């Protein structure tokens, strides 16, 4: 499945920040979730203190458990504590392919079952600046000050959510969200930034598609 979204913010009819979102889904099996069941959303990259990516993970979790088609989300920190030390940064599986051997252990399987966690969702990705240019110059004189010029930069937010079905012990599929955007700062005396918030749109797109992926029982056609 493929979607494209372009959000344009127009300033003085001449300057705009444009974002393009691409959402792709692969679904390998039927899904579904009970009212009492939950999912847990984890990061596959463990960069301690990476506040930007922690913020993204929190954004996805909050959106999944709110609004239409909301799903219960088991807190990540509580999940790690309950399964200590198996999901600590140094011992945690590095990807969804490492899960079967770990969760097949009776002690771990029982802890997960007690908490009614149906799916583990592994989120991987980041937001990077991919380009930029232009220039701004500012000066202050006896008559006042001001800035003149135009600066711009491009960001790309690329994330993947891989879904593991704990009940059937199998990989259910994956969702990819890729958002690119160009931000600009035009300045005629006063700089006016027009920001393309690619990470926020990637969070919204990924969370909405994740809800549909899990709630809609049938596989992709």
N, C-alpha and C. Protein backbone atom coordinates (compact mmCIF):
# COMPACT_ATOMS: atom_id res chain seq x y z
N UNK A 1 0.85 -1.17 0.00
CA UNK A 1 0.00 0.00 0.00
C UNK A 1 0.89 1.23 0.00
N UNK A 2 0.48 2.24 -0.76
CA UNK A 2 1.30 3.42 -0.91
C UNK A 2 0.44 4.65 -0.79
N UNK A 3 0.91 5.60 0.02
CA UNK A 3 0.20 6.86 0.16
C UNK A 3 1.19 7.99 -0.01
N UNK A 4 0.69 9.09 -0.53
CA UNK A 4 1.51 10.29 -0.63
C UNK A 4 0.72 11.46 -0.06
N UNK A 5 1.41 12.27 0.69
CA UNK A 5 0.77 13.43 1.31
C UNK A 5 1.72 14.59 1.20
N UNK A 6 1.23 15.70 0.69
CA UNK A 6 2.05 16.90 0.61
C UNK A 6 1.35 18.00 1.37
N UNK A 7 1.97 18.45 2.46
CA UNK A 7 1.41 19.52 3.28
C UNK A 7 2.18 20.79 2.98
N UNK A 8 1.50 21.81 2.56
CA UNK A 8 2.16 23.04 2.16
C UNK A 8 1.73 24.20 3.04
N UNK A 9 2.71 24.92 3.53
CA UNK A 9 2.48 26.11 4.33
C UNK A 9 2.94 27.29 3.50
N UNK A 10 2.06 28.21 3.23
CA UNK A 10 2.38 29.31 2.32
C UNK A 10 2.60 30.60 3.10
N UNK A 11 3.68 31.26 2.80
CA UNK A 11 4.03 32.52 3.44
C UNK A 11 4.14 33.59 2.37
N UNK A 12 3.30 34.59 2.49
CA UNK A 12 3.31 35.72 1.56
C UNK A 12 3.16 35.26 0.11
N UNK A 13 2.47 34.15 -0.07
CA UNK A 13 2.17 33.60 -1.39
C UNK A 13 3.41 33.19 -2.19
N UNK A 14 4.59 33.20 -1.57
CA UNK A 14 5.79 32.90 -2.34
C UNK A 14 6.67 31.83 -1.72
N UNK A 15 6.61 31.63 -0.41
CA UNK A 15 7.52 30.72 0.26
C UNK A 15 6.72 29.58 0.88
N UNK A 16 7.17 28.34 0.69
CA UNK A 16 6.43 27.22 1.24
C UNK A 16 7.38 26.14 1.76
N UNK A 17 6.88 25.39 2.74
CA UNK A 17 7.58 24.19 3.20
C UNK A 17 6.73 23.01 2.78
N UNK A 18 7.32 22.09 2.04
CA UNK A 18 6.56 20.97 1.49
C UNK A 18 7.08 19.66 2.04
N UNK A 19 6.16 18.77 2.40
CA UNK A 19 6.52 17.44 2.88
C UNK A 19 5.83 16.38 2.03
N UNK A 20 6.55 15.32 1.75
CA UNK A 20 5.99 14.18 1.03
C UNK A 20 6.15 12.94 1.90
N UNK A 21 5.04 12.24 2.14
CA UNK A 21 5.06 11.05 2.99
C UNK A 21 4.76 9.81 2.14
N UNK A 22 5.55 8.79 2.35
CA UNK A 22 5.37 7.52 1.64
C UNK A 22 5.21 6.42 2.69
N UNK A 23 4.08 5.72 2.66
CA UNK A 23 3.79 4.66 3.62
C UNK A 23 3.65 3.34 2.87
N UNK A 24 4.43 2.34 3.26
CA UNK A 24 4.37 1.03 2.64
C UNK A 24 4.15 -0.04 3.71
N UNK A 25 3.31 -1.00 3.41
CA UNK A 25 2.99 -2.06 4.36
C UNK A 25 3.15 -3.43 3.70
N UNK A 26 3.75 -4.34 4.42
CA UNK A 26 3.77 -5.75 4.02
C UNK A 26 3.17 -6.55 5.16
N UNK A 27 2.19 -7.38 4.85
CA UNK A 27 1.51 -8.15 5.88
C UNK A 27 1.57 -9.62 5.50
N UNK A 28 2.18 -10.41 6.36
CA UNK A 28 2.43 -11.81 6.05
C UNK A 28 1.36 -12.75 6.57
N UNK A 29 0.50 -12.27 7.45
CA UNK A 29 -0.50 -13.14 8.05
C UNK A 29 -1.64 -12.31 8.61
N UNK A 30 -2.75 -12.96 8.90
CA UNK A 30 -3.88 -12.27 9.52
C UNK A 30 -3.51 -11.84 10.94
N UNK A 31 -4.07 -10.71 11.37
CA UNK A 31 -3.79 -10.20 12.71
C UNK A 31 -5.10 -10.09 13.49
N UNK A 32 -5.21 -9.09 14.35
CA UNK A 32 -6.35 -8.95 15.22
C UNK A 32 -5.87 -8.87 16.66
N UNK A 33 -6.70 -8.28 17.52
CA UNK A 33 -6.31 -8.12 18.92
C UNK A 33 -7.56 -8.04 19.79
N UNK A 34 -7.51 -8.66 20.97
CA UNK A 34 -8.62 -8.61 21.91
C UNK A 34 -8.63 -7.32 22.72
N UNK A 35 -9.77 -7.00 23.30
CA UNK A 35 -9.91 -5.77 24.07
C UNK A 35 -8.98 -5.73 25.28
N UNK A 36 -8.68 -6.88 25.85
CA UNK A 36 -7.83 -6.94 27.03
C UNK A 36 -6.35 -7.09 26.68
N UNK A 37 -6.06 -7.27 25.41
CA UNK A 37 -4.67 -7.48 25.00
C UNK A 37 -3.97 -6.16 24.71
N UNK A 38 -2.64 -6.21 24.71
CA UNK A 38 -1.83 -5.01 24.50
C UNK A 38 -0.72 -5.30 23.49
N UNK A 39 -0.10 -4.22 23.05
CA UNK A 39 1.14 -4.33 22.30
C UNK A 39 2.22 -3.59 23.09
N UNK A 40 3.47 -3.91 22.83
CA UNK A 40 4.56 -3.14 23.40
C UNK A 40 5.42 -2.66 22.24
N UNK A 41 5.81 -1.39 22.30
CA UNK A 41 6.58 -0.77 21.22
C UNK A 41 7.99 -0.52 21.73
N UNK A 42 8.97 -1.11 21.05
CA UNK A 42 10.36 -1.02 21.46
C UNK A 42 11.22 -0.46 20.34
N UNK A 43 12.33 0.15 20.70
CA UNK A 43 13.30 0.62 19.72
C UNK A 43 14.34 -0.46 19.48
N UNK A 44 14.69 -0.68 18.23
CA UNK A 44 15.70 -1.69 17.93
C UNK A 44 17.11 -1.13 18.05
N UNK A 45 17.25 0.19 18.08
CA UNK A 45 18.57 0.80 18.25
C UNK A 45 18.64 1.40 19.64
N UNK A 46 19.64 1.01 20.39
CA UNK A 46 19.73 1.44 21.78
C UNK A 46 20.82 2.50 21.92
N UNK A 47 20.47 3.73 21.60
CA UNK A 47 21.39 4.85 21.75
C UNK A 47 21.02 5.59 23.02
N UNK A 48 21.73 5.30 24.09
CA UNK A 48 21.40 5.89 25.38
C UNK A 48 21.44 7.41 25.30
N UNK A 49 20.37 8.03 25.76
CA UNK A 49 20.32 9.48 25.80
C UNK A 49 19.91 10.12 24.51
N UNK A 50 19.51 9.34 23.52
CA UNK A 50 19.05 9.91 22.25
C UNK A 50 17.63 10.42 22.44
N UNK A 51 17.51 11.68 22.88
CA UNK A 51 16.21 12.22 23.23
C UNK A 51 15.29 12.36 22.03
N UNK A 52 15.88 12.62 20.85
CA UNK A 52 15.06 12.79 19.65
C UNK A 52 14.33 11.50 19.32
N UNK A 53 15.03 10.38 19.33
CA UNK A 53 14.39 9.12 18.98
C UNK A 53 13.49 8.61 20.10
N UNK A 54 13.85 8.89 21.36
CA UNK A 54 12.95 8.56 22.46
C UNK A 54 11.63 9.31 22.31
N UNK A 55 11.73 10.55 21.88
CA UNK A 55 10.54 11.37 21.67
C UNK A 55 9.67 10.77 20.56
N UNK A 56 10.31 10.26 19.51
CA UNK A 56 9.55 9.66 18.42
C UNK A 56 8.82 8.42 18.90
N UNK A 57 9.50 7.57 19.67
CA UNK A 57 8.88 6.35 20.18
C UNK A 57 7.69 6.69 21.07
N UNK A 58 7.84 7.70 21.91
CA UNK A 58 6.73 8.13 22.78
C UNK A 58 5.57 8.67 21.95
N UNK A 59 5.91 9.39 20.87
CA UNK A 59 4.87 9.94 20.00
C UNK A 59 4.05 8.82 19.37
N UNK A 60 4.72 7.80 18.85
CA UNK A 60 4.01 6.68 18.23
C UNK A 60 3.14 5.97 19.25
N UNK A 61 3.68 5.71 20.44
CA UNK A 61 2.91 5.02 21.49
C UNK A 61 1.66 5.80 21.86
N UNK A 62 1.81 7.11 22.04
CA UNK A 62 0.66 7.94 22.43
C UNK A 62 -0.41 7.96 21.36
N UNK A 63 -0.01 8.02 20.10
CA UNK A 63 -1.00 8.05 19.01
C UNK A 63 -1.70 6.71 18.83
N UNK A 64 -0.98 5.62 19.05
CA UNK A 64 -1.58 4.30 18.89
C UNK A 64 -2.67 4.06 19.93
N UNK A 65 -2.48 4.56 21.14
CA UNK A 65 -3.45 4.29 22.20
C UNK A 65 -4.54 5.36 22.31
N UNK A 66 -4.59 6.27 21.33
CA UNK A 66 -5.62 7.31 21.33
C UNK A 66 -6.35 7.32 20.00
N UNK A 67 -7.54 7.91 20.00
CA UNK A 67 -8.29 8.12 18.77
C UNK A 67 -8.97 6.86 18.25
N UNK A 68 -9.46 6.96 17.03
CA UNK A 68 -10.17 5.84 16.40
C UNK A 68 -9.26 4.63 16.25
N UNK A 69 -9.80 3.45 16.56
CA UNK A 69 -9.03 2.23 16.43
C UNK A 69 -7.91 2.10 17.43
N UNK A 70 -8.03 2.78 18.57
CA UNK A 70 -6.95 2.78 19.57
C UNK A 70 -6.66 1.38 20.09
N UNK A 71 -5.41 1.17 20.48
CA UNK A 71 -4.94 -0.12 20.97
C UNK A 71 -4.22 0.09 22.29
N UNK A 72 -4.39 -0.83 23.22
CA UNK A 72 -3.66 -0.75 24.48
C UNK A 72 -2.16 -0.90 24.23
N UNK A 73 -1.38 0.01 24.82
CA UNK A 73 0.08 -0.04 24.68
C UNK A 73 0.69 -0.26 26.06
N UNK A 74 1.39 -1.37 26.21
CA UNK A 74 2.05 -1.67 27.48
C UNK A 74 3.30 -0.80 27.58
N UNK A 75 3.51 -0.11 28.72
CA UNK A 75 4.65 0.80 28.84
C UNK A 75 5.99 0.10 28.61
N UNK A 76 6.83 0.72 27.82
CA UNK A 76 8.12 0.13 27.48
C UNK A 76 8.98 -0.12 28.71
N UNK A 77 9.05 0.87 29.61
CA UNK A 77 9.90 0.74 30.79
C UNK A 77 9.44 -0.40 31.69
N UNK A 78 8.12 -0.56 31.83
CA UNK A 78 7.59 -1.64 32.65
C UNK A 78 7.87 -3.00 32.01
N UNK A 79 7.82 -3.04 30.70
CA UNK A 79 8.11 -4.29 29.99
C UNK A 79 9.56 -4.70 30.22
N UNK A 80 10.48 -3.75 30.10
CA UNK A 80 11.90 -4.06 30.30
C UNK A 80 12.15 -4.51 31.74
N UNK A 81 11.49 -3.85 32.69
CA UNK A 81 11.67 -4.23 34.10
C UNK A 81 11.13 -5.64 34.36
N UNK A 82 9.97 -5.93 33.78
CA UNK A 82 9.34 -7.24 34.01
C UNK A 82 10.17 -8.38 33.42
N UNK A 83 10.89 -8.09 32.33
CA UNK A 83 11.68 -9.13 31.68
C UNK A 83 13.18 -8.94 31.89
N UNK A 84 13.52 -8.22 32.94
CA UNK A 84 14.94 -8.00 33.26
C UNK A 84 15.64 -9.34 33.47
N UNK A 85 16.85 -9.53 32.93
CA UNK A 85 17.65 -8.55 32.18
C UNK A 85 17.58 -8.72 30.67
N UNK A 86 16.60 -9.48 30.17
CA UNK A 86 16.62 -9.91 28.78
C UNK A 86 16.38 -8.80 27.76
N UNK A 87 15.79 -7.70 28.19
CA UNK A 87 15.55 -6.60 27.25
C UNK A 87 16.29 -5.33 27.65
N UNK A 88 17.35 -5.49 28.44
CA UNK A 88 18.24 -4.37 28.73
C UNK A 88 19.14 -4.12 27.51
N UNK A 89 19.67 -2.89 27.37
CA UNK A 89 20.44 -2.56 26.17
C UNK A 89 21.53 -3.55 25.81
N UNK A 90 22.24 -4.11 26.80
CA UNK A 90 23.37 -4.98 26.49
C UNK A 90 22.95 -6.41 26.14
N UNK A 91 21.76 -6.80 26.56
CA UNK A 91 21.35 -8.19 26.36
C UNK A 91 20.14 -8.34 25.45
N UNK A 92 19.51 -7.25 25.08
CA UNK A 92 18.27 -7.31 24.29
C UNK A 92 18.53 -7.83 22.88
N UNK A 93 17.55 -8.49 22.28
CA UNK A 93 17.67 -8.89 20.87
C UNK A 93 17.92 -7.66 20.00
N UNK A 94 18.75 -7.81 19.01
CA UNK A 94 19.09 -6.69 18.14
C UNK A 94 18.09 -6.49 17.01
N UNK A 95 17.14 -7.38 16.91
CA UNK A 95 16.11 -7.26 15.87
C UNK A 95 15.07 -8.33 16.05
N UNK A 96 14.03 -8.23 15.25
CA UNK A 96 12.90 -9.15 15.40
C UNK A 96 13.29 -10.59 15.07
N UNK A 97 14.34 -10.76 14.27
CA UNK A 97 14.76 -12.12 13.91
C UNK A 97 15.37 -12.87 15.09
N UNK A 98 15.76 -12.14 16.14
CA UNK A 98 16.35 -12.78 17.32
C UNK A 98 15.32 -13.14 18.39
N UNK A 99 14.05 -12.82 18.15
CA UNK A 99 13.03 -13.04 19.17
C UNK A 99 12.68 -14.51 19.42
N UNK A 100 12.53 -15.36 18.40
CA UNK A 100 12.03 -16.71 18.64
C UNK A 100 12.78 -17.48 19.72
N UNK A 101 14.11 -17.44 19.66
CA UNK A 101 14.88 -18.17 20.63
C UNK A 101 14.70 -17.67 22.05
N UNK A 102 14.49 -16.36 22.18
CA UNK A 102 14.34 -15.77 23.51
C UNK A 102 12.97 -16.05 24.10
N UNK A 103 11.92 -15.76 23.35
CA UNK A 103 10.57 -15.88 23.92
C UNK A 103 10.09 -17.32 24.00
N UNK A 104 10.88 -18.25 23.46
CA UNK A 104 10.52 -19.66 23.61
C UNK A 104 10.86 -20.19 25.00
N UNK A 105 11.63 -19.43 25.76
CA UNK A 105 11.96 -19.85 27.12
C UNK A 105 10.71 -19.75 27.99
N UNK A 106 10.36 -20.79 28.70
CA UNK A 106 9.12 -20.80 29.48
C UNK A 106 8.99 -19.63 30.45
N UNK A 107 10.06 -19.28 31.15
CA UNK A 107 9.97 -18.19 32.13
C UNK A 107 9.63 -16.86 31.47
N UNK A 108 10.20 -16.62 30.30
CA UNK A 108 9.92 -15.37 29.58
C UNK A 108 8.53 -15.40 28.97
N UNK A 109 8.18 -16.52 28.36
CA UNK A 109 6.85 -16.65 27.76
C UNK A 109 5.75 -16.46 28.80
N UNK A 110 5.96 -16.98 30.00
CA UNK A 110 4.95 -16.84 31.06
C UNK A 110 4.79 -15.39 31.49
N UNK A 111 5.90 -14.67 31.61
CA UNK A 111 5.82 -13.26 32.02
C UNK A 111 5.06 -12.43 30.98
N UNK A 112 5.31 -12.72 29.73
CA UNK A 112 4.61 -12.00 28.66
C UNK A 112 3.13 -12.34 28.66
N UNK A 113 2.83 -13.61 28.82
CA UNK A 113 1.44 -14.07 28.82
C UNK A 113 0.66 -13.46 29.99
N UNK A 114 1.28 -13.36 31.15
CA UNK A 114 0.62 -12.78 32.32
C UNK A 114 0.22 -11.33 32.08
N UNK A 115 0.94 -10.64 31.24
CA UNK A 115 0.67 -9.22 30.97
C UNK A 115 -0.20 -9.02 29.73
N UNK A 116 -0.64 -10.10 29.14
CA UNK A 116 -1.55 -10.08 28.00
C UNK A 116 -1.01 -9.24 26.84
N UNK A 117 0.27 -9.40 26.59
CA UNK A 117 0.90 -8.70 25.47
C UNK A 117 0.82 -9.59 24.23
N UNK A 118 0.16 -9.10 23.20
CA UNK A 118 -0.07 -9.90 21.99
C UNK A 118 1.01 -9.68 20.93
N UNK A 119 1.47 -8.44 20.80
CA UNK A 119 2.45 -8.13 19.76
C UNK A 119 3.62 -7.33 20.33
N UNK A 120 4.80 -7.61 19.83
CA UNK A 120 5.96 -6.75 20.03
C UNK A 120 6.19 -6.00 18.73
N UNK A 121 6.28 -4.68 18.82
CA UNK A 121 6.51 -3.84 17.64
C UNK A 121 7.91 -3.24 17.77
N UNK A 122 8.78 -3.58 16.85
CA UNK A 122 10.15 -3.06 16.85
C UNK A 122 10.22 -1.87 15.90
N UNK A 123 10.61 -0.73 16.42
CA UNK A 123 10.70 0.49 15.61
C UNK A 123 12.17 0.84 15.41
N UNK A 124 12.52 1.06 14.16
CA UNK A 124 13.90 1.39 13.82
C UNK A 124 13.90 2.54 12.83
N UNK A 125 14.87 3.43 12.94
CA UNK A 125 14.97 4.53 11.99
C UNK A 125 15.48 5.79 12.65
N UNK A 126 15.54 6.86 11.87
CA UNK A 126 15.99 8.14 12.40
C UNK A 126 15.60 9.27 11.46
N UNK A 127 15.92 10.48 11.88
CA UNK A 127 15.69 11.68 11.07
C UNK A 127 17.04 12.33 10.81
N UNK A 128 17.34 12.58 9.55
CA UNK A 128 18.63 13.15 9.16
C UNK A 128 18.43 14.35 8.25
N UNK A 129 19.38 15.28 8.32
CA UNK A 129 19.41 16.38 7.36
C UNK A 129 20.16 15.90 6.13
N UNK A 130 19.52 16.01 4.99
CA UNK A 130 20.09 15.46 3.76
C UNK A 130 20.64 16.51 2.80
N UNK A 131 20.41 17.77 3.09
CA UNK A 131 20.92 18.81 2.20
C UNK A 131 20.55 20.19 2.71
N UNK A 132 21.06 21.20 2.05
CA UNK A 132 20.74 22.57 2.45
C UNK A 132 21.58 23.56 1.68
N UNK A 133 21.23 24.83 1.82
CA UNK A 133 21.96 25.86 1.11
C UNK A 133 21.41 27.24 1.40
N UNK A 134 21.85 28.21 0.61
CA UNK A 134 21.43 29.59 0.81
C UNK A 134 22.26 30.27 1.88
N UNK A 135 21.91 31.51 2.18
CA UNK A 135 22.64 32.26 3.19
C UNK A 135 21.77 33.36 3.76
N UNK A 136 22.07 33.71 5.00
CA UNK A 136 21.43 34.83 5.69
C UNK A 136 22.52 35.74 6.23
N UNK A 137 22.28 37.02 6.18
CA UNK A 137 23.21 37.97 6.78
C UNK A 137 22.42 38.98 7.59
N UNK A 138 22.91 39.29 8.76
CA UNK A 138 22.25 40.23 9.65
C UNK A 138 23.23 41.32 10.05
N UNK A 139 22.72 42.52 10.22
CA UNK A 139 23.57 43.65 10.60
C UNK A 139 22.78 44.61 11.48
N UNK A 140 23.52 45.33 12.31
CA UNK A 140 22.93 46.35 13.18
C UNK A 140 23.66 47.66 12.94
N UNK A 141 22.90 48.71 12.70
CA UNK A 141 23.48 50.02 12.47
C UNK A 141 22.77 51.09 13.27
N UNK A 142 23.16 52.34 13.08
CA UNK A 142 22.54 53.45 13.83
C UNK A 142 21.03 53.52 13.63
N UNK A 143 20.58 53.14 12.46
CA UNK A 143 19.15 53.22 12.17
C UNK A 143 18.37 51.97 12.53
N UNK A 144 19.06 50.99 13.09
CA UNK A 144 18.38 49.74 13.43
C UNK A 144 19.11 48.55 12.84
N UNK A 145 18.46 47.43 12.82
CA UNK A 145 19.09 46.21 12.33
C UNK A 145 18.12 45.40 11.50
N UNK A 146 18.64 44.38 10.88
CA UNK A 146 17.79 43.51 10.08
C UNK A 146 18.58 42.39 9.46
N UNK A 147 17.86 41.45 8.88
CA UNK A 147 18.47 40.29 8.22
C UNK A 147 17.94 40.19 6.80
N UNK A 148 18.79 39.71 5.92
CA UNK A 148 18.40 39.57 4.53
C UNK A 148 18.96 38.26 3.98
N UNK A 149 18.19 37.61 3.12
CA UNK A 149 18.66 36.40 2.49
C UNK A 149 17.65 35.27 2.58
N UNK A 150 18.11 34.09 2.23
CA UNK A 150 17.25 32.91 2.25
C UNK A 150 18.11 31.67 2.52
N UNK A 151 17.74 30.92 3.55
CA UNK A 151 18.42 29.66 3.85
C UNK A 151 17.41 28.53 3.80
N UNK A 152 17.86 27.35 3.41
CA UNK A 152 16.96 26.20 3.33
C UNK A 152 17.72 24.93 3.68
N UNK A 153 16.98 23.91 4.10
CA UNK A 153 17.58 22.60 4.35
C UNK A 153 16.52 21.52 4.17
N UNK A 154 16.99 20.33 3.88
CA UNK A 154 16.11 19.18 3.67
C UNK A 154 16.31 18.15 4.77
N UNK A 155 15.21 17.62 5.28
CA UNK A 155 15.25 16.54 6.26
C UNK A 155 14.54 15.31 5.71
N UNK A 156 15.01 14.15 6.13
CA UNK A 156 14.34 12.90 5.80
C UNK A 156 14.13 12.10 7.08
N UNK A 157 12.89 11.71 7.32
CA UNK A 157 12.54 10.86 8.46
C UNK A 157 12.13 9.50 7.91
N UNK A 158 12.93 8.48 8.21
CA UNK A 158 12.66 7.14 7.69
C UNK A 158 12.59 6.16 8.86
N UNK A 159 11.44 5.50 9.02
CA UNK A 159 11.23 4.58 10.14
C UNK A 159 10.53 3.32 9.66
N UNK A 160 10.83 2.23 10.35
CA UNK A 160 10.15 0.96 10.09
C UNK A 160 9.62 0.38 11.39
N UNK A 161 8.41 -0.15 11.35
CA UNK A 161 7.83 -0.87 12.49
C UNK A 161 7.62 -2.32 12.07
N UNK A 162 8.38 -3.24 12.67
CA UNK A 162 8.22 -4.67 12.41
C UNK A 162 7.37 -5.28 13.52
N UNK A 163 6.39 -6.07 13.15
CA UNK A 163 5.40 -6.59 14.11
C UNK A 163 5.60 -8.09 14.30
N UNK A 164 5.76 -8.49 15.58
CA UNK A 164 5.92 -9.90 15.92
C UNK A 164 4.69 -10.36 16.70
N UNK A 165 4.03 -11.39 16.20
CA UNK A 165 2.85 -11.95 16.84
C UNK A 165 3.29 -12.97 17.88
N UNK A 166 3.11 -12.64 19.15
CA UNK A 166 3.55 -13.53 20.22
C UNK A 166 2.66 -14.76 20.36
N UNK A 167 1.39 -14.62 20.03
CA UNK A 167 0.47 -15.76 20.16
C UNK A 167 0.83 -16.87 19.18
N UNK A 168 1.18 -16.48 17.96
CA UNK A 168 1.51 -17.45 16.93
C UNK A 168 3.01 -17.62 16.72
N UNK A 169 3.79 -16.84 17.49
CA UNK A 169 5.25 -16.89 17.41
C UNK A 169 5.75 -16.76 15.97
N UNK A 170 5.33 -15.66 15.33
CA UNK A 170 5.73 -15.45 13.94
C UNK A 170 5.75 -13.97 13.60
N UNK A 171 6.48 -13.66 12.54
CA UNK A 171 6.57 -12.29 12.04
C UNK A 171 5.30 -11.97 11.25
N UNK A 172 4.55 -10.97 11.71
CA UNK A 172 3.27 -10.65 11.08
C UNK A 172 3.42 -9.71 9.89
N UNK A 173 4.49 -8.93 9.85
CA UNK A 173 4.69 -7.99 8.76
C UNK A 173 5.41 -6.74 9.22
N UNK A 174 5.41 -5.72 8.37
CA UNK A 174 6.14 -4.50 8.68
C UNK A 174 5.50 -3.31 7.99
N UNK A 175 5.75 -2.14 8.56
CA UNK A 175 5.27 -0.87 8.01
C UNK A 175 6.47 0.05 7.87
N UNK A 176 6.60 0.69 6.72
CA UNK A 176 7.67 1.65 6.49
C UNK A 176 7.07 3.03 6.26
N UNK A 177 7.60 4.02 6.96
CA UNK A 177 7.18 5.41 6.78
C UNK A 177 8.39 6.24 6.40
N UNK A 178 8.30 6.93 5.29
CA UNK A 178 9.39 7.78 4.82
C UNK A 178 8.83 9.16 4.50
N UNK A 179 9.34 10.16 5.19
CA UNK A 179 8.86 11.53 4.99
C UNK A 179 10.05 12.43 4.68
N UNK A 180 9.95 13.17 3.59
CA UNK A 180 10.98 14.15 3.24
C UNK A 180 10.35 15.53 3.23
N UNK A 181 11.13 16.52 3.58
CA UNK A 181 10.60 17.88 3.62
C UNK A 181 11.69 18.92 3.53
N UNK A 182 11.34 20.07 3.01
CA UNK A 182 12.26 21.19 2.88
C UNK A 182 11.79 22.34 3.74
N UNK A 183 12.67 22.82 4.62
CA UNK A 183 12.39 23.97 5.46
C UNK A 183 13.13 25.18 4.92
N UNK A 184 12.55 26.35 5.10
CA UNK A 184 13.17 27.58 4.60
C UNK A 184 13.10 28.67 5.65
N UNK A 185 14.10 29.56 5.61
CA UNK A 185 14.08 30.76 6.45
C UNK A 185 14.31 31.96 5.53
N UNK A 186 13.23 32.58 5.06
CA UNK A 186 13.39 33.81 4.29
C UNK A 186 13.53 35.00 5.25
N UNK A 187 14.31 35.97 4.86
CA UNK A 187 14.51 37.12 5.73
C UNK A 187 14.54 38.40 4.92
N UNK A 188 13.56 39.25 5.17
CA UNK A 188 13.58 40.64 4.69
C UNK A 188 13.37 41.48 5.93
N UNK A 189 14.45 41.83 6.56
CA UNK A 189 14.53 42.51 7.86
C UNK A 189 14.35 41.49 8.99
N UNK A 190 13.22 40.77 9.01
CA UNK A 190 12.95 39.81 10.09
C UNK A 190 12.93 38.39 9.51
N UNK A 191 13.76 37.48 10.04
CA UNK A 191 13.72 36.09 9.58
C UNK A 191 12.40 35.42 9.98
N UNK A 192 11.78 34.73 9.04
CA UNK A 192 10.52 34.02 9.32
C UNK A 192 10.70 32.55 8.92
N UNK A 193 11.02 31.67 9.88
CA UNK A 193 11.24 30.26 9.53
C UNK A 193 9.95 29.55 9.15
N UNK A 194 10.01 28.75 8.11
CA UNK A 194 8.90 27.89 7.69
C UNK A 194 9.43 26.46 7.76
N UNK A 195 9.05 25.74 8.80
CA UNK A 195 9.67 24.47 9.13
C UNK A 195 8.84 23.28 8.63
N UNK A 196 9.51 22.35 7.97
CA UNK A 196 8.88 21.09 7.57
C UNK A 196 9.13 20.07 8.69
N UNK A 197 8.11 19.75 9.43
CA UNK A 197 8.25 18.87 10.60
C UNK A 197 8.07 17.41 10.16
N UNK A 198 9.13 16.89 9.56
CA UNK A 198 9.06 15.56 8.97
C UNK A 198 8.88 14.46 10.02
N UNK A 199 9.53 14.61 11.16
CA UNK A 199 9.42 13.56 12.17
C UNK A 199 8.01 13.47 12.74
N UNK A 200 7.36 14.61 12.93
CA UNK A 200 5.99 14.60 13.44
C UNK A 200 5.04 13.92 12.46
N UNK A 201 5.22 14.18 11.16
CA UNK A 201 4.36 13.54 10.16
C UNK A 201 4.66 12.05 10.06
N UNK A 202 5.94 11.68 10.19
CA UNK A 202 6.29 10.25 10.18
C UNK A 202 5.66 9.52 11.35
N UNK A 203 5.65 10.16 12.52
CA UNK A 203 5.02 9.56 13.70
C UNK A 203 3.53 9.34 13.47
N UNK A 204 2.86 10.36 12.99
CA UNK A 204 1.41 10.26 12.75
C UNK A 204 1.10 9.18 11.72
N UNK A 205 1.85 9.17 10.63
CA UNK A 205 1.59 8.21 9.55
C UNK A 205 1.85 6.78 10.01
N UNK A 206 2.97 6.58 10.72
CA UNK A 206 3.32 5.23 11.18
C UNK A 206 2.32 4.72 12.20
N UNK A 207 1.93 5.58 13.15
CA UNK A 207 0.99 5.16 14.19
C UNK A 207 -0.38 4.82 13.61
N UNK A 208 -0.87 5.65 12.71
CA UNK A 208 -2.18 5.39 12.11
C UNK A 208 -2.19 4.08 11.33
N UNK A 209 -1.11 3.84 10.58
CA UNK A 209 -1.06 2.62 9.79
C UNK A 209 -0.86 1.39 10.68
N UNK A 210 -0.15 1.56 11.78
CA UNK A 210 0.06 0.44 12.71
C UNK A 210 -1.27 0.00 13.32
N UNK A 211 -2.11 0.96 13.66
CA UNK A 211 -3.43 0.60 14.21
C UNK A 211 -4.24 -0.19 13.19
N UNK A 212 -4.24 0.27 11.95
CA UNK A 212 -4.98 -0.44 10.90
C UNK A 212 -4.40 -1.83 10.67
N UNK A 213 -3.09 -1.92 10.70
CA UNK A 213 -2.41 -3.20 10.47
C UNK A 213 -2.85 -4.25 11.49
N UNK A 214 -2.92 -3.86 12.75
CA UNK A 214 -3.23 -4.81 13.81
C UNK A 214 -4.72 -5.09 13.92
N UNK A 215 -5.53 -4.04 13.83
CA UNK A 215 -6.98 -4.20 14.04
C UNK A 215 -7.64 -4.91 12.87
N UNK A 216 -7.25 -4.57 11.64
CA UNK A 216 -7.82 -5.24 10.47
C UNK A 216 -7.24 -6.65 10.36
N UNK A 217 -8.10 -7.65 10.48
CA UNK A 217 -7.62 -9.02 10.65
C UNK A 217 -6.99 -9.62 9.40
N UNK A 218 -7.51 -9.27 8.23
CA UNK A 218 -7.04 -9.94 7.02
C UNK A 218 -5.65 -9.52 6.61
N UNK A 219 -4.94 -10.38 5.87
CA UNK A 219 -3.62 -10.02 5.34
C UNK A 219 -3.74 -9.04 4.20
N UNK A 220 -2.62 -8.41 3.84
CA UNK A 220 -2.61 -7.48 2.72
C UNK A 220 -2.96 -8.21 1.43
N UNK A 221 -3.63 -7.50 0.55
CA UNK A 221 -3.97 -8.08 -0.75
C UNK A 221 -3.10 -7.47 -1.83
